[in-house]
Protein backbone atom coordinates (compact mmCIF):
# COMPACT_ATOMS: atom_id res chain seq x y z
CA UNK A 1 6.82 30.11 -25.51
CA UNK A 2 6.66 31.46 -29.20
CA UNK A 3 10.38 31.06 -29.50
CA UNK A 4 10.23 27.58 -28.35
CA UNK A 5 7.51 26.81 -30.98
CA UNK A 6 9.69 28.42 -33.62
CA UNK A 7 12.60 26.13 -32.46
CA UNK A 8 10.28 23.02 -32.99
CA UNK A 9 8.80 24.16 -36.31
CA UNK A 10 10.67 22.17 -38.94
CA UNK A 11 10.02 19.21 -41.34
CA UNK A 12 9.38 16.05 -39.52
CA UNK A 13 9.67 12.55 -40.64
CA UNK A 14 6.82 9.82 -40.09
CA UNK A 15 8.48 8.14 -37.35
CA UNK A 16 8.92 11.43 -35.45
CA UNK A 17 5.30 12.22 -36.07
CA UNK A 18 4.20 8.76 -34.87
CA UNK A 19 6.24 9.23 -31.53
CA UNK A 20 4.79 12.73 -31.07
CA UNK A 21 1.24 11.41 -31.54
CA UNK A 22 1.88 8.59 -29.06
CA UNK A 23 3.31 11.11 -26.39
CA UNK A 24 0.28 13.22 -26.88
CA UNK A 25 -2.10 10.23 -26.62
CA UNK A 26 -0.32 9.02 -23.38
CA UNK A 27 -0.40 12.41 -21.73
CA UNK A 28 -4.04 12.95 -22.46
CA UNK A 29 -4.89 9.51 -21.09
CA UNK A 30 -2.60 10.16 -18.02
CA UNK A 31 -4.14 13.39 -17.12
CA UNK A 32 -7.65 11.93 -17.46
CA UNK A 33 -6.71 8.92 -15.20
CA UNK A 34 -4.99 11.14 -12.78
CA UNK A 35 -7.92 13.30 -12.48
CA UNK A 36 -10.19 10.33 -11.86
CA UNK A 37 -7.81 8.94 -9.08
CA UNK A 38 -7.45 12.47 -7.53
CA UNK A 39 -11.33 12.44 -7.29
CA UNK A 40 -11.45 9.13 -5.50
CA UNK A 41 -8.42 10.41 -3.36
CA UNK A 42 -10.32 13.64 -2.39
CA UNK A 43 -13.41 11.48 -1.34
CA UNK A 44 -11.20 9.32 0.67
CA UNK A 45 -9.50 12.36 2.18
CA UNK A 46 -12.97 13.71 3.37
CA UNK A 47 -13.79 10.30 4.85
CA UNK A 48 -10.56 10.07 6.80
CA UNK A 49 -10.61 13.61 7.90
CA UNK A 50 -14.30 13.11 9.29
CA UNK A 51 -13.13 9.96 11.21
CA UNK A 52 -10.06 11.46 12.61
CA UNK A 53 -11.37 14.86 13.67
CA UNK A 54 -15.07 14.42 14.49
CA UNK A 55 -15.82 10.75 15.09
CA UNK A 56 -12.74 10.20 17.19
CA UNK A 57 -12.29 13.55 18.54
CA UNK A 58 -8.60 13.78 19.19
CA UNK A 59 -7.11 15.27 22.40
CA UNK A 60 -4.06 17.56 21.74
CA UNK A 61 -2.33 18.62 18.66
CA UNK A 62 0.14 15.82 19.00
CA UNK A 63 -2.18 12.83 19.48
CA UNK A 64 -2.03 9.99 17.22
CA UNK A 65 -5.14 11.03 15.11
CA UNK A 66 -3.99 14.64 14.67
CA UNK A 67 -0.51 13.35 13.49
CA UNK A 68 -2.37 11.04 10.94
CA UNK A 69 -4.49 13.99 9.88
CA UNK A 70 -1.48 16.16 9.40
CA UNK A 71 0.38 13.57 7.04
CA UNK A 72 -2.86 12.81 5.17
CA UNK A 73 -3.53 16.80 4.65
CA UNK A 74 0.16 16.91 3.56
CA UNK A 75 -0.31 14.12 1.05
CA UNK A 76 -3.52 15.74 -0.24
CA UNK A 77 -1.73 18.96 -0.84
CA UNK A 78 1.05 17.38 -2.68
CA UNK A 79 -1.22 15.40 -4.89
CA UNK A 80 -3.47 18.61 -5.68
CA UNK A 81 -0.20 20.49 -6.47
CA UNK A 82 1.15 17.75 -8.78
CA UNK A 83 -2.26 17.78 -10.70
CA UNK A 84 -2.09 21.55 -11.09
CA UNK A 85 1.41 21.20 -12.55
CA UNK A 86 0.22 18.66 -14.96
CA UNK A 87 -2.90 20.68 -16.07
CA UNK A 88 -0.44 23.53 -16.73
CA UNK A 89 1.79 21.36 -18.69
CA UNK A 90 -1.08 20.17 -20.65
CA UNK A 91 -2.36 23.54 -21.31
CA UNK A 92 1.16 24.80 -22.37
CA UNK A 93 1.69 21.96 -24.67
CA UNK A 94 -1.77 21.66 -26.46
CA UNK A 95 -3.44 25.00 -26.53
CA UNK A 96 -0.46 27.48 -26.99
CA UNK A 97 1.51 25.61 -29.57
CA UNK A 98 -0.93 25.60 -32.52
CA UNK A 99 -1.67 22.40 -34.33
CA UNK A 100 1.99 20.97 -34.92
CA UNK A 101 1.93 17.63 -33.10
CA UNK A 102 5.75 17.57 -32.89
CA UNK A 103 5.85 20.98 -31.28
CA UNK A 104 3.16 19.75 -28.60
CA UNK A 105 5.25 16.74 -27.90
CA UNK A 106 8.58 18.58 -27.55
CA UNK A 107 6.96 21.15 -25.12
CA UNK A 108 5.53 18.41 -23.04
CA UNK A 109 8.70 16.63 -22.88
CA UNK A 110 10.56 19.77 -22.17
CA UNK A 111 8.41 20.94 -19.24
CA UNK A 112 8.64 17.31 -17.71
CA UNK A 113 12.20 17.18 -17.93
CA UNK A 114 13.49 17.66 -14.28
CA UNK A 115 17.26 18.31 -14.75
CA UNK A 116 16.68 21.44 -17.00
CA UNK A 117 12.97 22.54 -16.17
CA UNK A 118 12.13 23.89 -12.75
CA UNK A 119 8.34 22.63 -13.14
CA UNK A 120 9.77 18.92 -13.83
CA UNK A 121 12.18 19.43 -10.74
CA UNK A 122 9.46 20.69 -8.51
CA UNK A 123 7.12 17.49 -9.66
CA UNK A 124 9.91 15.12 -8.91
CA UNK A 125 10.51 16.77 -5.53
CA UNK A 126 6.87 16.46 -4.57
CA UNK A 127 6.87 12.80 -5.70
CA UNK A 128 9.95 12.26 -3.38
CA UNK A 129 8.16 13.97 -0.51
CA UNK A 130 5.17 11.59 -0.87
CA UNK A 131 7.36 8.52 -0.84
CA UNK A 132 9.11 9.70 2.30
CA UNK A 133 5.71 9.78 3.88
CA UNK A 134 4.40 6.74 2.39
CA UNK A 135 7.48 4.67 2.88
CA UNK A 136 7.87 5.93 6.50
CA UNK A 137 4.41 5.07 7.42
CA UNK A 138 4.95 1.37 6.05
CA UNK A 139 8.11 1.07 8.01
CA UNK A 140 6.29 2.35 11.09
CA UNK A 141 3.50 -0.23 10.23
CA UNK A 142 6.06 -3.03 10.00
CA UNK A 143 7.41 -1.93 13.31
CA UNK A 144 4.19 -2.17 15.04
CA UNK A 145 2.98 -5.32 13.39
CA UNK A 146 6.21 -7.04 14.50
CA UNK A 147 5.65 -5.98 18.22
CA UNK A 148 8.02 -2.91 18.21
CA UNK A 149 11.04 -5.08 17.32
CA UNK A 150 13.70 -2.39 16.28
CA UNK A 151 15.85 -5.12 14.31
CA UNK A 152 13.14 -5.61 11.84
CA UNK A 153 13.19 -1.93 10.55
CA UNK A 154 16.99 -1.39 10.56
CA UNK A 155 17.44 -2.20 6.78
CA UNK A 156 14.23 -0.51 5.69
CA UNK A 157 15.10 2.73 7.69
CA UNK A 158 18.66 2.86 5.93
CA UNK A 159 17.06 2.38 2.68
CA UNK A 160 14.67 5.24 3.34
CA UNK A 161 17.37 7.59 4.33
CA UNK A 162 19.29 6.84 1.24
CA UNK A 163 16.13 7.05 -0.91
CA UNK A 164 15.21 10.60 0.41
CA UNK A 165 18.86 11.93 0.12
CA UNK A 166 19.18 10.59 -3.57
CA UNK A 167 15.77 11.87 -4.41
CA UNK A 168 16.21 15.46 -3.44
CA UNK A 169 19.57 15.54 -5.16
CA UNK A 170 18.24 14.05 -8.18
CA UNK A 171 15.40 16.70 -8.22
CA UNK A 172 17.99 19.43 -8.06
CA UNK A 173 20.31 17.98 -10.79
CA UNK A 174 19.58 21.19 -12.86
CA UNK A 175 21.25 23.41 -10.28
CA UNK A 176 24.25 20.95 -9.91
CA UNK A 177 24.97 21.28 -13.60
CA UNK A 178 24.68 17.52 -14.26
CA UNK A 179 24.40 15.81 -17.45
CA UNK A 180 21.21 14.18 -18.83
CA UNK A 181 22.98 10.73 -18.50
CA UNK A 182 24.08 11.46 -14.93
CA UNK A 183 20.45 12.40 -13.96
CA UNK A 184 18.97 9.32 -15.78
CA UNK A 185 21.52 7.16 -13.62
CA UNK A 186 20.46 8.73 -10.51
CA UNK A 187 16.84 8.19 -11.16
CA UNK A 188 17.36 4.58 -12.09
CA UNK A 189 19.25 3.96 -8.79
CA UNK A 190 16.51 5.91 -6.83
CA UNK A 191 13.77 3.63 -8.47
CA UNK A 192 15.71 0.51 -7.78
CA UNK A 193 16.11 1.59 -3.75
CA UNK A 194 12.34 2.44 -3.70
CA UNK A 195 11.35 -0.77 -5.25
CA UNK A 196 13.53 -2.85 -2.80
CA UNK A 197 12.32 -0.79 0.19
CA UNK A 198 8.39 -1.35 -0.77
CA UNK A 199 8.88 -5.04 -1.62
CA UNK A 200 10.74 -5.41 1.91
CA UNK A 201 8.17 -3.55 3.95
CA UNK A 202 5.21 -5.29 2.26
CA UNK A 203 6.79 -8.70 2.74
CA UNK A 204 7.40 -7.97 6.38
CA UNK A 205 3.70 -7.03 7.01
CA UNK A 206 2.18 -9.76 4.90
CA UNK A 207 4.41 -12.51 6.41
CA UNK A 208 3.19 -11.30 10.00
CA UNK A 209 -0.50 -11.18 8.78
CA UNK A 210 -0.68 -14.53 6.86
CA UNK A 211 1.78 -16.63 9.01
CA UNK A 212 -1.03 -17.75 11.44
CA UNK A 213 -3.00 -18.81 8.67
CA UNK A 214 -0.36 -21.23 7.19
CA UNK A 215 -0.17 -22.86 10.67
CA UNK A 216 -3.75 -23.23 11.24
CA UNK A 217 -4.42 -24.50 7.74
CA UNK A 218 -3.21 -27.92 8.49
CA UNK A 219 -5.56 -28.32 11.56
CA UNK A 220 -8.83 -27.18 9.79
CA UNK A 221 -10.34 -27.33 6.35
CA UNK A 222 -12.97 -24.97 6.91
CA UNK A 223 -11.16 -21.78 7.08
CA UNK A 224 -11.37 -20.84 3.36
CA UNK A 225 -13.59 -17.63 4.05
CA UNK A 226 -11.27 -16.60 7.02
CA UNK A 227 -8.11 -17.06 4.67
CA UNK A 228 -9.54 -15.02 1.93
CA UNK A 229 -10.42 -12.33 4.35
CA UNK A 230 -6.82 -12.21 5.84
CA UNK A 231 -5.32 -12.29 2.41
CA UNK A 232 -7.56 -9.21 1.62
CA UNK A 233 -6.44 -7.69 4.75
CA UNK A 234 -2.99 -8.17 4.19
CA UNK A 235 -3.14 -6.74 0.81
CA UNK A 236 -4.43 -3.54 2.26
CA UNK A 237 -2.44 -3.31 5.47
CA UNK A 238 0.80 -3.94 3.62
CA UNK A 239 0.19 -1.48 0.91
CA UNK A 240 0.74 -4.16 -1.82
CA UNK A 241 -0.83 -1.80 -4.33
CA UNK A 242 1.76 0.83 -3.54
CA UNK A 243 4.43 -1.74 -3.86
CA UNK A 244 3.13 -2.70 -7.50
CA UNK A 245 3.00 1.02 -8.43
CA UNK A 246 6.52 1.42 -7.31
CA UNK A 247 7.54 -1.58 -9.42
CA UNK A 248 5.90 -0.21 -12.33
CA UNK A 249 7.56 3.33 -11.69
CA UNK A 250 10.91 1.44 -11.64
CA UNK A 251 10.45 -0.57 -14.77
CA UNK A 252 9.34 2.27 -16.86
CA UNK A 253 12.35 4.40 -16.02
CA UNK A 254 14.50 1.70 -17.67
CA UNK A 255 12.09 0.49 -20.50
CA UNK A 256 10.16 3.87 -21.48
CA UNK A 257 11.77 6.89 -20.06
CA UNK A 258 10.38 9.46 -22.38
CA UNK A 259 6.59 8.14 -22.47
CA UNK A 260 5.88 5.49 -19.78
CA UNK A 261 7.83 7.24 -16.97
CA UNK A 262 6.17 10.52 -17.17
CA UNK A 263 2.73 8.90 -17.40
CA UNK A 264 3.61 6.85 -14.13
CA UNK A 265 4.90 10.00 -12.67
CA UNK A 266 1.54 11.51 -13.18
CA UNK A 267 -0.53 8.68 -12.17
CA UNK A 268 1.26 7.59 -8.95
CA UNK A 269 0.86 10.49 -6.67
CA UNK A 270 -2.91 10.22 -6.02
CA UNK A 271 -2.38 6.32 -5.93
CA UNK A 272 0.25 6.71 -3.04
CA UNK A 273 -2.00 8.82 -1.14
CA UNK A 274 -5.10 6.77 -1.68
CA UNK A 275 -3.22 3.69 -0.38
CA UNK A 276 -2.12 5.59 2.57
CA UNK A 277 -5.69 6.65 3.46
CA UNK A 278 -6.98 3.26 3.10
CA UNK A 279 -4.69 2.04 5.72
CA UNK A 280 -5.47 5.15 8.04
CA UNK A 281 -9.46 4.19 7.59
CA UNK A 282 -8.79 0.66 8.15
CA UNK A 283 -6.84 0.96 11.36
CA UNK A 284 -9.34 3.66 12.73
CA UNK A 285 -12.15 1.04 12.01
CA UNK A 286 -10.13 -1.31 14.00
CA UNK A 287 -9.91 1.33 16.87
CA UNK A 288 -13.47 2.12 16.86
CA UNK A 289 -14.51 -1.60 17.20
CA UNK A 290 -12.02 -1.92 19.90
CA UNK A 291 -12.32 1.22 21.96
CA UNK A 292 -13.82 -0.79 25.13
CA UNK A 293 -10.60 -3.01 25.31
CA UNK A 294 -7.94 -0.66 23.82
CA UNK A 295 -5.96 1.90 25.63
CA UNK A 296 -5.63 5.42 24.45
CA UNK A 297 -1.88 5.71 24.41
CA UNK A 298 0.80 3.97 22.23
CA UNK A 299 -1.22 3.61 19.20
CA UNK A 300 -2.38 0.19 20.36
CA UNK A 301 -5.01 0.09 17.68
CA UNK A 302 -2.14 -0.39 15.25
CA UNK A 303 -1.38 -3.78 16.81
CA UNK A 304 -4.62 -5.51 15.79
CA UNK A 305 -2.81 -7.73 13.31
CA UNK A 306 -0.04 -8.92 15.62
CA UNK A 307 -2.63 -9.72 18.53
CA UNK A 308 -4.62 -11.69 15.98
CA UNK A 309 -1.55 -13.53 15.15
CA UNK A 310 -0.66 -14.38 18.66
CA UNK A 311 -4.18 -15.41 19.40
CA UNK A 312 -4.59 -17.71 16.18
CA UNK A 313 -1.39 -19.64 17.31
CA UNK A 314 -2.50 -20.50 20.63
CA UNK A 315 -3.60 -23.99 21.55
CA UNK A 316 -7.28 -24.69 22.20
CA UNK A 317 -8.66 -27.15 24.87
CA UNK A 318 -11.68 -28.95 23.72
CA UNK A 319 -13.60 -31.29 26.03
CA UNK A 320 -15.26 -34.49 24.63
CA UNK A 321 -17.63 -36.64 26.42
CA UNK A 322 -18.08 -40.47 25.57
CA UNK A 323 -21.14 -42.29 26.67
CA UNK A 324 -21.68 -45.95 26.62
CA UNK A 325 -25.08 -47.53 26.87
CA UNK A 326 -25.57 -51.32 27.70
CA UNK A 327 -28.78 -53.25 27.34
CA UNK A 328 -29.74 -54.77 30.83
CA UNK A 329 -32.90 -56.47 29.70
CA UNK A 330 -33.16 -60.30 30.06
CA UNK A 331 -32.00 -62.40 27.10
CA UNK A 332 -32.89 -65.76 26.03
CA UNK A 333 -30.05 -68.31 25.83
CA UNK A 334 -29.59 -70.68 23.31
CA UNK A 335 -31.11 -73.70 25.48
CA UNK A 336 -34.37 -71.56 26.17
CA UNK A 337 -33.70 -70.40 29.70
CA UNK A 338 -33.70 -66.59 30.65
CA UNK A 339 -30.61 -65.14 31.75
CA UNK A 340 -29.61 -61.56 32.87
CA UNK A 341 -26.69 -59.68 31.78
CA UNK A 342 -25.60 -57.52 34.48
CA UNK A 343 -24.10 -53.86 33.76
CA UNK A 344 -20.12 -53.47 33.56
CA UNK A 345 -18.44 -52.47 36.49
CA UNK A 346 -16.39 -49.85 34.59
CA UNK A 347 -17.72 -46.35 34.40
CA UNK A 348 -20.16 -45.73 31.79
CA UNK A 349 -19.10 -42.20 30.93
CA UNK A 350 -15.58 -40.81 30.43
CA UNK A 351 -14.37 -37.44 29.83
CA UNK A 352 -11.09 -36.18 28.46
CA UNK A 353 -9.35 -33.22 27.21
CA UNK A 354 -7.45 -32.90 23.88
CA UNK A 355 -5.04 -30.16 22.66
CA UNK A 356 -5.57 -28.99 19.16
């Protein structure tokens, strides 16, 4: 580490000093926000663990709740390790390099450089693993919401396979003797594939959830609250926040590879895990509310959205009753005599059914 500091110890220009200061500030803010998000993630992990293991009491190691528990635990361990690496990088950059801002910035960038540094490569490999779990769950969610139609997930599955293979190859660029330009191109392609996959899966899920609302909206004007609830539901269940994070990650890889990309790389692991846990908690709440009518096999509780979609689009029979009242009291004619108006012979009450 001393040799590294000696290499970077030289006269710097004002522009280099400003760039180093920006890098240090962004690193400190990223570490702080990552720590806050990780704390929220840890609380959500505790809640989901209690729901999956104690509240629902799963039967068997291969039950649906145990599979979700193992997935959430792996996500939590990856986020924890990622945070530990970021803390180590911050300590190595700020506490062992003296007061030279340029040296701090250079050490920080070198430790995050995945083609040449094993710590940066490990961080990127952890992130790829998290995206594998998160994107795989989104694909499965889309498959369930679309009533287990295989044709819906063919394209997302191919994109996921390419994303995982390319991601692990990119994280191991250092052992392949790749140039920085080649590593940068691989990261850019990987980010594009990840963005396309996230947008596709989120769009499929949101389409399935919001489609009944667009059909019913023309028949009623009192569904504002229901529509808003369904929009919020679609944002949670489609992992739209995860998609936004993926888009931001891809944009920063092109526009700010030296500052924005490492910052987003530090922030998104707890975000991915938190979004994943929110979906797990949501579908388990649906399972708890529908235990009396939901079977224990086939993960039927993940089909709440598709069931509601089919239910919302069914016609409803409404019976209306029309009653006519006639005055049978005597009336006085124009010439003064009293006349009686008999009731009509037609039925006074009719009943009909309308389809809405």
